[in-house]
PDB file of all heavy atoms in Angstrom:
ATOM      1  N   ALA A   1     -19.663 -11.575  18.040  1.00  0.00           N
ATOM      2  CA  ALA A   1     -19.926 -10.608  16.960  1.00  0.00           C
ATOM      3  C   ALA A   1     -18.980  -9.408  17.057  1.00  0.00           C
ATOM      4  O   ALA A   1     -18.441  -8.939  16.035  1.00  0.00           O
ATOM      5  CB  ALA A   1     -21.381 -10.129  17.009  1.00  0.00           C
ATOM      6  N   LEU A   2     -18.762  -8.903  18.264  1.00  0.00           N
ATOM      7  CA  LEU A   2     -17.841  -7.764  18.440  1.00  0.00           C
ATOM      8  C   LEU A   2     -16.404  -8.203  18.150  1.00  0.00           C
ATOM      9  O   LEU A   2     -15.642  -7.444  17.522  1.00  0.00           O
ATOM     10  CB  LEU A   2     -17.946  -7.165  19.836  1.00  0.00           C
ATOM     11  CG  LEU A   2     -17.038  -5.976  20.095  1.00  0.00           C
ATOM     12  CD1 LEU A   2     -17.435  -4.789  19.175  1.00  0.00           C
ATOM     13  CD2 LEU A   2     -17.100  -5.539  21.549  1.00  0.00           C
ATOM     14  N   THR A   3     -16.057  -9.409  18.548  1.00  0.00           N
ATOM     15  CA  THR A   3     -14.722  -9.912  18.275  1.00  0.00           C
ATOM     16  C   THR A   3     -14.525 -10.001  16.740  1.00  0.00           C
ATOM     17  O   THR A   3     -13.472  -9.581  16.232  1.00  0.00           O
ATOM     18  CB  THR A   3     -14.541 -11.317  18.902  1.00  0.00           C
ATOM     19  OG1 THR A   3     -14.763 -11.184  20.297  1.00  0.00           O
ATOM     20  CG2 THR A   3     -13.161 -11.858  18.644  1.00  0.00           C
ATOM     21  N   ASN A   4     -15.498 -10.531  16.035  1.00  0.00           N
ATOM     22  CA  ASN A   4     -15.416 -10.625  14.562  1.00  0.00           C
ATOM     23  C   ASN A   4     -15.347  -9.230  13.923  1.00  0.00           C
ATOM     24  O   ASN A   4     -14.584  -9.020  12.985  1.00  0.00           O
ATOM     25  CB  ASN A   4     -16.586 -11.409  14.013  1.00  0.00           C
ATOM     26  CG  ASN A   4     -16.499 -12.885  14.321  1.00  0.00           C
ATOM     27  OD1 ASN A   4     -15.416 -13.405  14.539  1.00  0.00           O
ATOM     28  ND2 ASN A   4     -17.632 -13.558  14.364  1.00  0.00           N
ATOM     29  N   LEU A   5     -16.159  -8.308  14.432  1.00  0.00           N
ATOM     30  CA  LEU A   5     -16.151  -6.956  13.919  1.00  0.00           C
ATOM     31  C   LEU A   5     -14.779  -6.337  14.076  1.00  0.00           C
ATOM     32  O   LEU A   5     -14.194  -5.756  13.135  1.00  0.00           O
ATOM     33  CB  LEU A   5     -17.203  -6.089  14.614  1.00  0.00           C
ATOM     34  CG  LEU A   5     -17.161  -4.600  14.290  1.00  0.00           C
ATOM     35  CD1 LEU A   5     -17.683  -4.365  12.882  1.00  0.00           C
ATOM     36  CD2 LEU A   5     -17.981  -3.811  15.304  1.00  0.00           C
ATOM     37  N   THR A   6     -14.196  -6.459  15.256  1.00  0.00           N
ATOM     38  CA  THR A   6     -12.889  -5.879  15.526  1.00  0.00           C
ATOM     39  C   THR A   6     -11.812  -6.517  14.662  1.00  0.00           C
ATOM     40  O   THR A   6     -10.988  -5.844  14.072  1.00  0.00           O
ATOM     41  CB  THR A   6     -12.538  -6.049  17.023  1.00  0.00           C
ATOM     42  OG1 THR A   6     -13.584  -5.479  17.819  1.00  0.00           O
ATOM     43  CG2 THR A   6     -11.215  -5.377  17.367  1.00  0.00           C
ATOM     44  N   ARG A   7     -11.813  -7.862  14.594  1.00  0.00           N
ATOM     45  CA  ARG A   7     -10.814  -8.572  13.788  1.00  0.00           C
ATOM     46  C   ARG A   7     -10.910  -8.179  12.307  1.00  0.00           C
ATOM     47  O   ARG A   7      -9.909  -7.928  11.651  1.00  0.00           O
ATOM     48  CB  ARG A   7     -10.962 -10.093  13.975  1.00  0.00           C
ATOM     49  CG  ARG A   7      -9.827 -10.881  13.235  1.00  0.00           C
ATOM     50  CD  ARG A   7      -9.933 -12.361  13.421  1.00  0.00           C
ATOM     51  NE  ARG A   7     -11.206 -12.893  12.963  1.00  0.00           N
ATOM     52  CZ  ARG A   7     -12.112 -13.503  13.739  1.00  0.00           C
ATOM     53  NH1 ARG A   7     -11.876 -13.697  15.001  1.00  0.00           N
ATOM     54  NH2 ARG A   7     -13.261 -13.949  13.224  1.00  0.00           N
ATOM     55  N   THR A   8     -12.148  -8.124  11.808  1.00  0.00           N
ATOM     56  CA  THR A   8     -12.350  -7.781  10.405  1.00  0.00           C
ATOM     57  C   THR A   8     -11.888  -6.341  10.120  1.00  0.00           C
ATOM     58  O   THR A   8     -11.287  -6.071   9.090  1.00  0.00           O
ATOM     59  CB  THR A   8     -13.831  -7.959  10.014  1.00  0.00           C
ATOM     60  OG1 THR A   8     -14.206  -9.314  10.298  1.00  0.00           O
ATOM     61  CG2 THR A   8     -14.054  -7.674   8.567  1.00  0.00           C
ATOM     62  N   ALA A   9     -12.205  -5.429  11.044  1.00  0.00           N
ATOM     63  CA  ALA A   9     -11.786  -4.040  10.851  1.00  0.00           C
ATOM     64  C   ALA A   9     -10.261  -3.948  10.848  1.00  0.00           C
ATOM     65  O   ALA A   9      -9.683  -3.243   9.996  1.00  0.00           O
ATOM     66  CB  ALA A   9     -12.368  -3.160  11.968  1.00  0.00           C
ATOM     67  N   ILE A  10      -9.608  -4.661  11.731  1.00  0.00           N
ATOM     68  CA  ILE A  10      -8.131  -4.667  11.734  1.00  0.00           C
ATOM     69  C   ILE A  10      -7.590  -5.246  10.470  1.00  0.00           C
ATOM     70  O   ILE A  10      -6.653  -4.708   9.864  1.00  0.00           O
ATOM     71  CB  ILE A  10      -7.611  -5.421  12.988  1.00  0.00           C
ATOM     72  CG1 ILE A  10      -7.923  -4.624  14.252  1.00  0.00           C
ATOM     73  CG2 ILE A  10      -6.102  -5.678  12.885  1.00  0.00           C
ATOM     74  CD1 ILE A  10      -7.659  -5.370  15.550  1.00  0.00           C
ATOM     75  N   ASP A  11      -8.172  -6.351  10.016  1.00  0.00           N
ATOM     76  CA  ASP A  11      -7.755  -6.954   8.736  1.00  0.00           C
ATOM     77  C   ASP A  11      -7.914  -5.962   7.567  1.00  0.00           C
ATOM     78  O   ASP A  11      -7.049  -5.858   6.702  1.00  0.00           O
ATOM     79  CB  ASP A  11      -8.539  -8.214   8.406  1.00  0.00           C
ATOM     80  CG  ASP A  11      -8.195  -9.386   9.319  1.00  0.00           C
ATOM     81  OD1 ASP A  11      -7.144  -9.317  10.000  1.00  0.00           O
ATOM     82  OD2 ASP A  11      -8.983 -10.368   9.364  1.00  0.00           O
ATOM     83  N   ASN A  12      -9.025  -5.246   7.559  1.00  0.00           N
ATOM     84  CA  ASN A  12      -9.271  -4.236   6.517  1.00  0.00           C
ATOM     85  C   ASN A  12      -8.192  -3.166   6.516  1.00  0.00           C
ATOM     86  O   ASN A  12      -7.675  -2.770   5.466  1.00  0.00           O
ATOM     87  CB  ASN A  12     -10.647  -3.623   6.656  1.00  0.00           C
ATOM     88  CG  ASN A  12     -11.759  -4.577   6.319  1.00  0.00           C
ATOM     89  OD1 ASN A  12     -11.550  -5.593   5.682  1.00  0.00           O
ATOM     90  ND2 ASN A  12     -12.965  -4.250   6.762  1.00  0.00           N
ATOM     91  N   TYR A  13      -7.838  -2.688   7.699  1.00  0.00           N
ATOM     92  CA  TYR A  13      -6.803  -1.649   7.767  1.00  0.00           C
ATOM     93  C   TYR A  13      -5.421  -2.158   7.412  1.00  0.00           C
ATOM     94  O   TYR A  13      -4.640  -1.448   6.785  1.00  0.00           O
ATOM     95  CB  TYR A  13      -6.811  -0.986   9.153  1.00  0.00           C
ATOM     96  CG  TYR A  13      -7.892   0.034   9.324  1.00  0.00           C
ATOM     97  CD1 TYR A  13      -9.075  -0.267   9.980  1.00  0.00           C
ATOM     98  CD2 TYR A  13      -7.787   1.307   8.719  1.00  0.00           C
ATOM     99  CE1 TYR A  13     -10.073   0.660  10.108  1.00  0.00           C
ATOM    100  CE2 TYR A  13      -8.794   2.245   8.849  1.00  0.00           C
ATOM    101  CZ  TYR A  13      -9.928   1.923   9.533  1.00  0.00           C
ATOM    102  OH  TYR A  13     -10.956   2.836   9.636  1.00  0.00           O
ATOM    103  N   VAL A  14      -5.140  -3.412   7.796  1.00  0.00           N
ATOM    104  CA  VAL A  14      -3.834  -4.013   7.416  1.00  0.00           C
ATOM    105  C   VAL A  14      -3.760  -4.158   5.884  1.00  0.00           C
ATOM    106  O   VAL A  14      -2.755  -3.820   5.274  1.00  0.00           O
ATOM    107  CB  VAL A  14      -3.634  -5.364   8.120  1.00  0.00           C
ATOM    108  CG1 VAL A  14      -2.486  -6.150   7.528  1.00  0.00           C
ATOM    109  CG2 VAL A  14      -3.414  -5.137   9.626  1.00  0.00           C
ATOM    110  N   ARG A  15      -4.859  -4.631   5.278  1.00  0.00           N
ATOM    111  CA  ARG A  15      -4.891  -4.787   3.830  1.00  0.00           C
ATOM    112  C   ARG A  15      -4.709  -3.411   3.148  1.00  0.00           C
ATOM    113  O   ARG A  15      -3.993  -3.262   2.181  1.00  0.00           O
ATOM    114  CB  ARG A  15      -6.191  -5.469   3.382  1.00  0.00           C
ATOM    115  CG  ARG A  15      -6.221  -5.805   1.921  1.00  0.00           C
ATOM    116  CD  ARG A  15      -7.424  -6.664   1.472  1.00  0.00           C
ATOM    117  NE  ARG A  15      -8.685  -6.378   2.109  1.00  0.00           N
ATOM    118  CZ  ARG A  15      -9.243  -7.093   3.104  1.00  0.00           C
ATOM    119  NH1 ARG A  15      -8.638  -8.150   3.559  1.00  0.00           N
ATOM    120  NH2 ARG A  15     -10.388  -6.747   3.626  1.00  0.00           N
ATOM    121  N   PHE A  16      -5.437  -2.420   3.673  1.00  0.00           N
ATOM    122  CA  PHE A  16      -5.307  -1.060   3.144  1.00  0.00           C
ATOM    123  C   PHE A  16      -3.851  -0.588   3.222  1.00  0.00           C
ATOM    124  O   PHE A  16      -3.332  -0.038   2.239  1.00  0.00           O
ATOM    125  CB  PHE A  16      -6.218  -0.113   3.905  1.00  0.00           C
ATOM    126  CG  PHE A  16      -5.860   1.334   3.717  1.00  0.00           C
ATOM    127  CD1 PHE A  16      -6.253   1.997   2.552  1.00  0.00           C
ATOM    128  CD2 PHE A  16      -5.129   2.027   4.660  1.00  0.00           C
ATOM    129  CE1 PHE A  16      -5.922   3.336   2.368  1.00  0.00           C
ATOM    130  CE2 PHE A  16      -4.784   3.356   4.466  1.00  0.00           C
ATOM    131  CZ  PHE A  16      -5.198   4.003   3.309  1.00  0.00           C
ATOM    132  N   ALA A  17      -3.217  -0.762   4.382  1.00  0.00           N
ATOM    133  CA  ALA A  17      -1.851  -0.279   4.545  1.00  0.00           C
ATOM    134  C   ALA A  17      -0.920  -0.984   3.554  1.00  0.00           C
ATOM    135  O   ALA A  17      -0.033  -0.364   2.985  1.00  0.00           O
ATOM    136  CB  ALA A  17      -1.382  -0.505   5.992  1.00  0.00           C
ATOM    137  N   ASN A  18      -1.099  -2.294   3.365  1.00  0.00           N
ATOM    138  CA  ASN A  18      -0.272  -3.031   2.415  1.00  0.00           C
ATOM    139  C   ASN A  18      -0.470  -2.552   0.987  1.00  0.00           C
ATOM    140  O   ASN A  18       0.500  -2.326   0.241  1.00  0.00           O
ATOM    141  CB  ASN A  18      -0.546  -4.543   2.505  1.00  0.00           C
ATOM    142  CG  ASN A  18       0.039  -5.171   3.733  1.00  0.00           C
ATOM    143  OD1 ASN A  18       0.999  -4.668   4.313  1.00  0.00           O
ATOM    144  ND2 ASN A  18      -0.569  -6.248   4.201  1.00  0.00           N
ATOM    145  N   GLU A  19      -1.736  -2.391   0.616  1.00  0.00           N
ATOM    146  CA  GLU A  19      -2.018  -1.912  -0.768  1.00  0.00           C
ATOM    147  C   GLU A  19      -1.451  -0.491  -0.965  1.00  0.00           C
ATOM    148  O   GLU A  19      -0.877  -0.194  -1.998  1.00  0.00           O
ATOM    149  CB  GLU A  19      -3.532  -1.898  -1.028  1.00  0.00           C
ATOM    150  CG  GLU A  19      -4.111  -3.303  -1.148  1.00  0.00           C
ATOM    151  CD  GLU A  19      -5.621  -3.292  -1.236  1.00  0.00           C
ATOM    152  OE1 GLU A  19      -6.235  -2.202  -1.244  1.00  0.00           O
ATOM    153  OE2 GLU A  19      -6.222  -4.378  -1.341  1.00  0.00           O
ATOM    154  N   TRP A  20      -1.614   0.345   0.040  1.00  0.00           N
ATOM    155  CA  TRP A  20      -1.117   1.724  -0.080  1.00  0.00           C
ATOM    156  C   TRP A  20       0.392   1.692  -0.225  1.00  0.00           C
ATOM    157  O   TRP A  20       0.954   2.419  -1.044  1.00  0.00           O
ATOM    158  CB  TRP A  20      -1.533   2.539   1.131  1.00  0.00           C
ATOM    159  CG  TRP A  20      -1.157   3.977   1.036  1.00  0.00           C
ATOM    160  CD1 TRP A  20      -1.835   4.959   0.415  1.00  0.00           C
ATOM    161  CD2 TRP A  20       0.073   4.559   1.516  1.00  0.00           C
ATOM    162  NE1 TRP A  20      -1.131   6.142   0.516  1.00  0.00           N
ATOM    163  CE2 TRP A  20       0.040   5.946   1.177  1.00  0.00           C
ATOM    164  CE3 TRP A  20       1.182   4.061   2.216  1.00  0.00           C
ATOM    165  CZ2 TRP A  20       1.050   6.817   1.521  1.00  0.00           C
ATOM    166  CZ3 TRP A  20       2.167   4.949   2.551  1.00  0.00           C
ATOM    167  CH2 TRP A  20       2.106   6.309   2.202  1.00  0.00           C
ATOM    168  N   ALA A  21       1.078   0.889   0.586  1.00  0.00           N
ATOM    169  CA  ALA A  21       2.529   0.825   0.531  1.00  0.00           C
ATOM    170  C   ALA A  21       2.996   0.313  -0.830  1.00  0.00           C
ATOM    171  O   ALA A  21       3.945   0.841  -1.403  1.00  0.00           O
ATOM    172  CB  ALA A  21       3.080  -0.094   1.643  1.00  0.00           C
ATOM    173  N   GLN A  22       2.305  -0.700  -1.372  1.00  0.00           N
ATOM    174  CA  GLN A  22       2.676  -1.203  -2.701  1.00  0.00           C
ATOM    175  C   GLN A  22       2.502  -0.129  -3.754  1.00  0.00           C
ATOM    176  O   GLN A  22       3.354   0.021  -4.622  1.00  0.00           O
ATOM    177  CB  GLN A  22       1.834  -2.435  -3.029  1.00  0.00           C
ATOM    178  CG  GLN A  22       2.188  -3.677  -2.255  1.00  0.00           C
ATOM    179  CD  GLN A  22       1.243  -4.826  -2.521  1.00  0.00           C
ATOM    180  OE1 GLN A  22       0.239  -4.680  -3.232  1.00  0.00           O
ATOM    181  NE2 GLN A  22       1.525  -5.981  -1.933  1.00  0.00           N
ATOM    182  N   GLN A  23       1.410   0.581  -3.700  1.00  0.00           N
ATOM    183  CA  GLN A  23       1.151   1.670  -4.689  1.00  0.00           C
ATOM    184  C   GLN A  23       2.238   2.718  -4.536  1.00  0.00           C
ATOM    185  O   GLN A  23       2.777   3.221  -5.515  1.00  0.00           O
ATOM    186  CB  GLN A  23      -0.229   2.277  -4.478  1.00  0.00           C
ATOM    187  CG  GLN A  23      -1.366   1.370  -4.844  1.00  0.00           C
ATOM    188  CD  GLN A  23      -1.376   1.062  -6.329  1.00  0.00           C
ATOM    189  OE1 GLN A  23      -1.073   1.901  -7.158  1.00  0.00           O
ATOM    190  NE2 GLN A  23      -1.750  -0.144  -6.671  1.00  0.00           N
ATOM    191  N   PHE A  24       2.554   3.085  -3.303  1.00  0.00           N
ATOM    192  CA  PHE A  24       3.541   4.136  -3.050  1.00  0.00           C
ATOM    193  C   PHE A  24       4.914   3.703  -3.599  1.00  0.00           C
ATOM    194  O   PHE A  24       5.575   4.474  -4.295  1.00  0.00           O
ATOM    195  CB  PHE A  24       3.633   4.431  -1.548  1.00  0.00           C
ATOM    196  CG  PHE A  24       4.672   5.458  -1.196  1.00  0.00           C
ATOM    197  CD1 PHE A  24       4.417   6.790  -1.387  1.00  0.00           C
ATOM    198  CD2 PHE A  24       5.877   5.076  -0.643  1.00  0.00           C
ATOM    199  CE1 PHE A  24       5.374   7.746  -1.065  1.00  0.00           C
ATOM    200  CE2 PHE A  24       6.831   6.009  -0.323  1.00  0.00           C
ATOM    201  CZ  PHE A  24       6.573   7.353  -0.546  1.00  0.00           C
ATOM    202  N   TYR A  25       5.303   2.459  -3.291  1.00  0.00           N
ATOM    203  CA  TYR A  25       6.610   1.998  -3.759  1.00  0.00           C
ATOM    204  C   TYR A  25       6.610   1.883  -5.290  1.00  0.00           C
ATOM    205  O   TYR A  25       7.624   2.132  -5.940  1.00  0.00           O
ATOM    206  CB  TYR A  25       6.984   0.662  -3.126  1.00  0.00           C
ATOM    207  CG  TYR A  25       7.318   0.801  -1.661  1.00  0.00           C
ATOM    208  CD1 TYR A  25       6.783  -0.073  -0.713  1.00  0.00           C
ATOM    209  CD2 TYR A  25       8.132   1.811  -1.200  1.00  0.00           C
ATOM    210  CE1 TYR A  25       7.064   0.054   0.644  1.00  0.00           C
ATOM    211  CE2 TYR A  25       8.424   1.950   0.148  1.00  0.00           C
ATOM    212  CZ  TYR A  25       7.877   1.073   1.055  1.00  0.00           C
ATOM    213  OH  TYR A  25       8.168   1.221   2.401  1.00  0.00           O
ATOM    214  N   GLY A  26       5.469   1.487  -5.863  1.00  0.00           N
ATOM    215  CA  GLY A  26       5.379   1.417  -7.330  1.00  0.00           C
ATOM    216  C   GLY A  26       5.545   2.787  -7.949  1.00  0.00           C
ATOM    217  O   GLY A  26       6.250   2.958  -8.956  1.00  0.00           O
ATOM    218  N   ILE A  27       4.903   3.779  -7.353  1.00  0.00           N
ATOM    219  CA  ILE A  27       5.024   5.156  -7.869  1.00  0.00           C
ATOM    220  C   ILE A  27       6.455   5.630  -7.716  1.00  0.00           C
ATOM    221  O   ILE A  27       7.011   6.250  -8.636  1.00  0.00           O
ATOM    222  CB  ILE A  27       4.038   6.087  -7.138  1.00  0.00           C
ATOM    223  CG1 ILE A  27       2.615   5.760  -7.546  1.00  0.00           C
ATOM    224  CG2 ILE A  27       4.362   7.559  -7.371  1.00  0.00           C
ATOM    225  CD1 ILE A  27       1.543   6.439  -6.710  1.00  0.00           C
ATOM    226  N   MET A  28       7.058   5.341  -6.586  1.00  0.00           N
ATOM    227  CA  MET A  28       8.453   5.764  -6.365  1.00  0.00           C
ATOM    228  C   MET A  28       9.385   5.076  -7.374  1.00  0.00           C
ATOM    229  O   MET A  28      10.287   5.685  -7.919  1.00  0.00           O
ATOM    230  CB  MET A  28       8.911   5.450  -4.920  1.00  0.00           C
ATOM    231  CG  MET A  28       8.195   6.271  -3.873  1.00  0.00           C
ATOM    232  SD  MET A  28       8.443   8.043  -4.121  1.00  0.00           S
ATOM    233  CE  MET A  28      10.169   8.159  -3.736  1.00  0.00           C
ATOM    234  N   SER A  29       9.122   3.785  -7.644  1.00  0.00           N
ATOM    235  CA  SER A  29       9.953   3.051  -8.580  1.00  0.00           C
ATOM    236  C   SER A  29       9.798   3.647  -9.973  1.00  0.00           C
ATOM    237  O   SER A  29      10.782   3.829 -10.693  1.00  0.00           O
ATOM    238  CB  SER A  29       9.519   1.576  -8.582  1.00  0.00           C
ATOM    239  OG  SER A  29      10.211   0.872  -9.590  1.00  0.00           O
ATOM    240  N   GLN A  30       8.558   3.957 -10.371  1.00  0.00           N
ATOM    241  CA  GLN A  30       8.349   4.592 -11.677  1.00  0.00           C
ATOM    242  C   GLN A  30       9.021   5.942 -11.743  1.00  0.00           C
ATOM    243  O   GLN A  30       9.578   6.304 -12.772  1.00  0.00           O
ATOM    244  CB  GLN A  30       6.829   4.765 -11.931  1.00  0.00           C
ATOM    245  CG  GLN A  30       6.136   3.486 -12.254  1.00  0.00           C
ATOM    246  CD  GLN A  30       4.640   3.701 -12.418  1.00  0.00           C
ATOM    247  OE1 GLN A  30       4.102   4.753 -12.153  1.00  0.00           O
ATOM    248  NE2 GLN A  30       3.962   2.665 -12.905  1.00  0.00           N
ATOM    249  N   GLY A  31       9.012   6.670 -10.632  1.00  0.00           N
ATOM    250  CA  GLY A  31       9.675   7.979 -10.601  1.00  0.00           C
ATOM    251  C   GLY A  31      11.183   7.818 -10.792  1.00  0.00           C
ATOM    252  O   GLY A  31      11.801   8.567 -11.540  1.00  0.00           O
ATOM    253  N   GLN A  32      11.759   6.814 -10.128  1.00  0.00           N
ATOM    254  CA  GLN A  32      13.203   6.562 -10.315  1.00  0.00           C
ATOM    255  C   GLN A  32      13.517   6.168 -11.737  1.00  0.00           C
ATOM    256  O   GLN A  32      14.497   6.609 -12.325  1.00  0.00           O
ATOM    257  CB  GLN A  32      13.676   5.484  -9.332  1.00  0.00           C
ATOM    258  CG  GLN A  32      13.744   5.945  -7.914  1.00  0.00           C
ATOM    259  CD  GLN A  32      14.142   4.833  -6.960  1.00  0.00           C
ATOM    260  OE1 GLN A  32      13.909   3.638  -7.239  1.00  0.00           O
ATOM    261  NE2 GLN A  32      14.744   5.179  -5.835  1.00  0.00           N
ATOM    262  N   GLN A  33      12.669   5.297 -12.299  1.00  0.00           N
ATOM    263  CA  GLN A  33      12.908   4.890 -13.700  1.00  0.00           C
ATOM    264  C   GLN A  33      12.789   6.086 -14.621  1.00  0.00           C
ATOM    265  O   GLN A  33      13.571   6.256 -15.557  1.00  0.00           O
ATOM    266  CB  GLN A  33      11.873   3.815 -14.106  1.00  0.00           C
ATOM    267  CG  GLN A  33      12.085   2.488 -13.401  1.00  0.00           C
ATOM    268  CD  GLN A  33      10.936   1.518 -13.661  1.00  0.00           C
ATOM    269  OE1 GLN A  33       9.977   1.861 -14.358  1.00  0.00           O
ATOM    270  NE2 GLN A  33      11.043   0.334 -13.084  1.00  0.00           N
ATOM    271  N   PHE A  34      11.815   6.937 -14.374  1.00  0.00           N
ATOM    272  CA  PHE A  34      11.624   8.144 -15.186  1.00  0.00           C
ATOM    273  C   PHE A  34      12.869   9.050 -15.106  1.00  0.00           C
ATOM    274  O   PHE A  34      13.370   9.504 -16.137  1.00  0.00           O
ATOM    275  CB  PHE A  34      10.373   8.917 -14.725  1.00  0.00           C
ATOM    276  CG  PHE A  34      10.201  10.235 -15.441  1.00  0.00           C
ATOM    277  CD1 PHE A  34       9.704  10.249 -16.735  1.00  0.00           C
ATOM    278  CD2 PHE A  34      10.493  11.416 -14.793  1.00  0.00           C
ATOM    279  CE1 PHE A  34       9.524  11.458 -17.398  1.00  0.00           C
ATOM    280  CE2 PHE A  34      10.305  12.619 -15.447  1.00  0.00           C
ATOM    281  CZ  PHE A  34       9.826  12.646 -16.746  1.00  0.00           C
ATOM    282  N   VAL A  35      13.345   9.267 -13.883  1.00  0.00           N
ATOM    283  CA  VAL A  35      14.531  10.110 -13.702  1.00  0.00           C
ATOM    284  C   VAL A  35      15.729   9.488 -14.385  1.00  0.00           C
ATOM    285  O   VAL A  35      16.512  10.173 -15.051  1.00  0.00           O
ATOM    286  CB  VAL A  35      14.795  10.366 -12.190  1.00  0.00           C
ATOM    287  CG1 VAL A  35      16.155  11.016 -11.985  1.00  0.00           C
ATOM    288  CG2 VAL A  35      13.696  11.247 -11.597  1.00  0.00           C
ATOM    289  N   SER A  36      15.888   8.165 -14.251  1.00  0.00           N
ATOM    290  CA  SER A  36      17.005   7.486 -14.902  1.00  0.00           C
ATOM    291  C   SER A  36      16.927   7.649 -16.434  1.00  0.00           C
ATOM    292  O   SER A  36      17.934   7.952 -17.080  1.00  0.00           O
ATOM    293  CB  SER A  36      16.999   5.993 -14.565  1.00  0.00           C
ATOM    294  OG  SER A  36      17.263   5.812 -13.199  1.00  0.00           O
ATOM    295  N   ARG A  37      15.725   7.463 -17.000  1.00  0.00           N
ATOM    296  CA  ARG A  37      15.559   7.647 -18.438  1.00  0.00           C
ATOM    297  C   ARG A  37      15.888   9.083 -18.841  1.00  0.00           C
ATOM    298  O   ARG A  37      16.535   9.324 -19.852  1.00  0.00           O
ATOM    299  CB  ARG A  37      14.139   7.267 -18.881  1.00  0.00           C
ATOM    300  CG  ARG A  37      13.899   5.772 -19.000  1.00  0.00           C
ATOM    301  CD  ARG A  37      12.605   5.480 -19.746  1.00  0.00           C
ATOM    302  NE  ARG A  37      11.441   6.191 -19.262  1.00  0.00           N
ATOM    303  CZ  ARG A  37      10.610   5.764 -18.296  1.00  0.00           C
ATOM    304  NH1 ARG A  37      10.832   4.565 -17.769  1.00  0.00           N
ATOM    305  NH2 ARG A  37       9.596   6.474 -17.918  1.00  0.00           N
ATOM    306  N   GLN A  38      15.410  10.028 -18.065  1.00  0.00           N
ATOM    307  CA  GLN A  38      15.675  11.427 -18.401  1.00  0.00           C
ATOM    308  C   GLN A  38      17.169  11.725 -18.334  1.00  0.00           C
ATOM    309  O   GLN A  38      17.700  12.457 -19.178  1.00  0.00           O
ATOM    310  CB  GLN A  38      14.911  12.365 -17.418  1.00  0.00           C
ATOM    311  CG  GLN A  38      13.422  12.297 -17.555  1.00  0.00           C
ATOM    312  CD  GLN A  38      12.968  12.774 -18.900  1.00  0.00           C
ATOM    313  OE1 GLN A  38      13.502  13.699 -19.491  1.00  0.00           O
ATOM    314  NE2 GLN A  38      11.939  12.108 -19.451  1.00  0.00           N
ATOM    315  N   MET A  39      17.853  11.137 -17.348  1.00  0.00           N
ATOM    316  CA  MET A  39      19.301  11.350 -17.246  1.00  0.00           C
ATOM    317  C   MET A  39      20.014  10.731 -18.464  1.00  0.00           C
ATOM    318  O   MET A  39      20.938  11.330 -19.032  1.00  0.00           O
ATOM    319  CB  MET A  39      19.839  10.744 -15.953  1.00  0.00           C
ATOM    320  CG  MET A  39      19.370  11.427 -14.698  1.00  0.00           C
ATOM    321  SD  MET A  39      20.024  13.108 -14.558  1.00  0.00           S
ATOM    322  CE  MET A  39      21.703  12.773 -14.259  1.00  0.00           C
TER     323      MET A  39
END
């Protein structure tokens, strides 16, 4: 049970980090596109 708890918690944090990174890169990409359009 503790092994499963630990593994699941690690999986949750890895998924969170991936989703956060995708959102961050998406926002950065939109920012670059916005700046390019403005230029």
